N, C-alpha and C. Protein backbone atom coordinates (compact mmCIF):
# COMPACT_ATOMS: atom_id res chain seq x y z
N MET A 1 111.44 131.18 20.50
CA MET A 1 110.15 130.60 20.21
C MET A 1 109.12 131.72 20.16
N THR A 2 108.35 131.73 19.11
CA THR A 2 107.33 132.77 18.98
C THR A 2 106.05 132.35 19.67
N GLU A 3 105.38 133.34 20.17
CA GLU A 3 104.13 133.09 20.88
C GLU A 3 102.97 133.30 19.91
N LYS A 4 102.07 132.37 19.85
CA LYS A 4 100.92 132.49 18.96
C LYS A 4 99.87 133.40 19.60
N VAL A 5 99.30 134.24 18.75
CA VAL A 5 98.27 135.15 19.22
C VAL A 5 96.96 134.77 18.54
N TYR A 6 95.97 134.52 19.34
CA TYR A 6 94.67 134.13 18.81
C TYR A 6 93.69 135.28 19.06
N LEU A 7 93.42 136.03 18.02
CA LEU A 7 92.49 137.15 18.11
C LEU A 7 91.38 136.96 17.09
N THR A 8 90.18 137.35 17.47
CA THR A 8 89.08 137.34 16.52
C THR A 8 89.25 138.54 15.59
N ASP A 9 88.45 138.57 14.53
CA ASP A 9 88.52 139.69 13.60
C ASP A 9 88.19 141.00 14.31
N TYR A 10 87.20 140.97 15.18
CA TYR A 10 86.83 142.17 15.93
C TYR A 10 87.98 142.66 16.81
N GLU A 11 88.64 141.72 17.48
CA GLU A 11 89.75 142.08 18.35
C GLU A 11 90.93 142.65 17.55
N LYS A 12 91.15 142.10 16.35
CA LYS A 12 92.22 142.62 15.49
C LYS A 12 91.92 144.04 15.05
N ARG A 13 90.68 144.31 14.63
CA ARG A 13 90.29 145.66 14.22
C ARG A 13 90.41 146.65 15.37
N LYS A 14 89.99 146.20 16.55
CA LYS A 14 90.06 147.05 17.74
C LYS A 14 91.52 147.36 18.09
N LYS A 15 92.39 146.37 18.01
CA LYS A 15 93.80 146.56 18.31
C LYS A 15 94.44 147.51 17.30
N GLU A 16 94.10 147.36 16.02
CA GLU A 16 94.62 148.25 14.99
C GLU A 16 94.14 149.68 15.21
N ARG A 17 92.86 149.85 15.57
CA ARG A 17 92.31 151.17 15.85
C ARG A 17 93.03 151.80 17.04
N ASN A 18 93.23 151.02 18.09
CA ASN A 18 93.91 151.53 19.28
C ASN A 18 95.34 151.95 18.96
N ASN A 19 96.04 151.15 18.18
CA ASN A 19 97.40 151.49 17.78
C ASN A 19 97.43 152.76 16.93
N ALA A 20 96.43 152.93 16.07
CA ALA A 20 96.34 154.15 15.26
C ALA A 20 96.08 155.37 16.14
N ILE A 21 95.24 155.22 17.15
CA ILE A 21 94.96 156.32 18.07
C ILE A 21 96.22 156.71 18.83
N ILE A 22 96.97 155.73 19.30
CA ILE A 22 98.20 155.99 20.04
C ILE A 22 99.21 156.70 19.14
N ALA A 23 99.36 156.22 17.91
CA ALA A 23 100.29 156.84 16.98
C ALA A 23 99.87 158.27 16.66
N ASP A 24 98.58 158.49 16.45
CA ASP A 24 98.09 159.85 16.18
C ASP A 24 98.37 160.78 17.35
N PHE A 25 98.15 160.30 18.56
CA PHE A 25 98.38 161.13 19.74
C PHE A 25 99.86 161.49 19.87
N LYS A 26 100.73 160.51 19.69
CA LYS A 26 102.17 160.76 19.83
C LYS A 26 102.69 161.70 18.74
N LYS A 27 102.06 161.68 17.59
CA LYS A 27 102.48 162.53 16.48
C LYS A 27 101.87 163.93 16.59
N LEU A 28 100.58 164.01 16.92
CA LEU A 28 99.85 165.26 16.87
C LEU A 28 100.02 166.10 18.13
N ASN A 29 100.09 165.49 19.29
CA ASN A 29 100.13 166.25 20.54
C ASN A 29 101.33 167.20 20.64
N PRO A 30 102.55 166.76 20.33
CA PRO A 30 103.66 167.72 20.41
C PRO A 30 103.49 168.91 19.47
N LEU A 31 102.94 168.67 18.29
CA LEU A 31 102.73 169.76 17.34
C LEU A 31 101.73 170.78 17.88
N LEU A 32 100.62 170.30 18.41
CA LEU A 32 99.61 171.21 18.92
C LEU A 32 100.07 171.92 20.19
N MET A 33 100.82 171.24 21.02
CA MET A 33 101.30 171.88 22.25
C MET A 33 102.31 172.98 21.93
N ARG A 34 103.12 172.80 20.88
CA ARG A 34 104.04 173.86 20.47
C ARG A 34 103.29 175.09 19.98
N ARG A 35 102.11 174.87 19.41
CA ARG A 35 101.27 175.98 18.94
C ARG A 35 100.48 176.63 20.07
N GLY A 36 100.59 176.09 21.27
CA GLY A 36 99.94 176.69 22.41
C GLY A 36 98.62 176.04 22.82
N TYR A 37 98.25 174.94 22.18
CA TYR A 37 97.01 174.25 22.52
C TYR A 37 97.25 173.24 23.64
N ARG A 38 96.21 172.94 24.36
CA ARG A 38 96.28 171.97 25.45
C ARG A 38 96.03 170.56 24.89
N PRO A 39 96.40 169.51 25.63
CA PRO A 39 96.20 168.14 25.16
C PRO A 39 94.73 167.79 24.90
N TYR A 40 93.82 168.52 25.52
CA TYR A 40 92.40 168.27 25.29
C TYR A 40 92.03 168.50 23.82
N ARG A 41 92.69 169.45 23.18
CA ARG A 41 92.45 169.71 21.76
C ARG A 41 92.89 168.51 20.93
N THR A 42 94.01 167.91 21.29
CA THR A 42 94.50 166.73 20.57
C THR A 42 93.49 165.60 20.68
N ILE A 43 92.98 165.37 21.89
CA ILE A 43 92.01 164.31 22.12
C ILE A 43 90.75 164.57 21.29
N SER A 44 90.32 165.81 21.26
CA SER A 44 89.14 166.17 20.48
C SER A 44 89.33 165.88 18.99
N GLN A 45 90.49 166.23 18.46
CA GLN A 45 90.78 165.99 17.05
C GLN A 45 90.82 164.49 16.73
N ILE A 46 91.45 163.73 17.60
CA ILE A 46 91.56 162.28 17.38
C ILE A 46 90.18 161.63 17.49
N ALA A 47 89.38 162.07 18.45
CA ALA A 47 88.03 161.51 18.63
C ALA A 47 87.18 161.73 17.39
N SER A 48 87.24 162.93 16.82
CA SER A 48 86.44 163.19 15.63
C SER A 48 86.96 162.40 14.43
N LYS A 49 88.26 162.22 14.33
CA LYS A 49 88.85 161.46 13.23
C LYS A 49 88.41 160.00 13.26
N HIS A 50 88.38 159.41 14.46
CA HIS A 50 88.05 157.99 14.60
C HIS A 50 86.58 157.75 14.94
N LYS A 51 85.78 158.84 14.93
CA LYS A 51 84.34 158.76 15.21
C LYS A 51 84.08 158.10 16.56
N MET A 52 84.77 158.62 17.57
CA MET A 52 84.63 158.14 18.94
C MET A 52 84.36 159.33 19.84
N THR A 53 84.07 159.04 21.09
CA THR A 53 83.94 160.11 22.07
C THR A 53 85.31 160.45 22.62
N GLU A 54 85.43 161.64 23.18
CA GLU A 54 86.69 162.05 23.78
C GLU A 54 87.03 161.15 24.98
N ALA A 55 86.01 160.78 25.74
CA ALA A 55 86.23 159.89 26.88
C ALA A 55 86.75 158.53 26.41
N GLY A 56 86.27 158.05 25.28
CA GLY A 56 86.73 156.77 24.75
C GLY A 56 88.20 156.82 24.36
N VAL A 57 88.60 157.91 23.73
CA VAL A 57 90.00 158.07 23.33
C VAL A 57 90.89 158.17 24.57
N ARG A 58 90.47 158.98 25.56
CA ARG A 58 91.25 159.09 26.80
C ARG A 58 91.37 157.74 27.48
N SER A 59 90.30 156.97 27.47
CA SER A 59 90.31 155.65 28.10
C SER A 59 91.32 154.73 27.43
N ILE A 60 91.37 154.74 26.12
CA ILE A 60 92.32 153.91 25.38
C ILE A 60 93.75 154.33 25.71
N LEU A 61 94.01 155.63 25.70
CA LEU A 61 95.36 156.12 25.98
C LEU A 61 95.78 155.80 27.41
N ARG A 62 94.85 155.90 28.33
CA ARG A 62 95.15 155.60 29.73
C ARG A 62 95.39 154.10 29.91
N ARG A 63 94.54 153.28 29.30
CA ARG A 63 94.65 151.82 29.43
C ARG A 63 95.96 151.30 28.83
N GLU A 64 96.40 151.92 27.73
CA GLU A 64 97.63 151.48 27.07
C GLU A 64 98.89 152.08 27.70
N GLY A 65 98.71 152.94 28.70
CA GLY A 65 99.85 153.49 29.41
C GLY A 65 100.51 154.69 28.74
N VAL A 66 99.84 155.29 27.78
CA VAL A 66 100.41 156.45 27.09
C VAL A 66 100.29 157.70 27.97
N ILE A 67 99.17 157.85 28.66
CA ILE A 67 98.97 158.99 29.54
C ILE A 67 98.51 158.49 30.90
N ASP A 68 98.72 159.34 31.90
CA ASP A 68 98.13 159.08 33.21
C ASP A 68 96.93 160.00 33.36
N LYS A 69 97.17 161.30 33.27
CA LYS A 69 96.12 162.30 33.26
C LYS A 69 96.51 163.35 32.24
N LEU A 70 95.55 163.91 31.54
CA LEU A 70 95.85 164.92 30.55
C LEU A 70 96.47 166.17 31.19
N SER A 71 96.06 166.47 32.40
CA SER A 71 96.60 167.66 33.06
C SER A 71 98.07 167.52 33.42
N ASN A 72 98.61 166.30 33.43
CA ASN A 72 100.01 166.08 33.75
C ASN A 72 100.93 166.18 32.53
N ILE A 73 100.38 166.29 31.35
CA ILE A 73 101.19 166.33 30.12
C ILE A 73 101.73 167.74 29.93
N GLN A 74 103.04 167.80 29.65
CA GLN A 74 103.67 169.10 29.40
C GLN A 74 104.50 169.06 28.17
């Protein structure tokens, strides 16, 4: 049995944006870390792409369980 999801248009856009941020982080962070950059650079790049603050991007990643702390990423 499928579960019905009732989201407003705003909630749908927000969910899509959050999923895009997560996908960007998972794709971009390993590449930048191999080049010697820290995860903070990845957050900065994603924030500018999505016209958000770095704190906003970190908050989304933390809330969705992608990261705990940026300093713990290796």
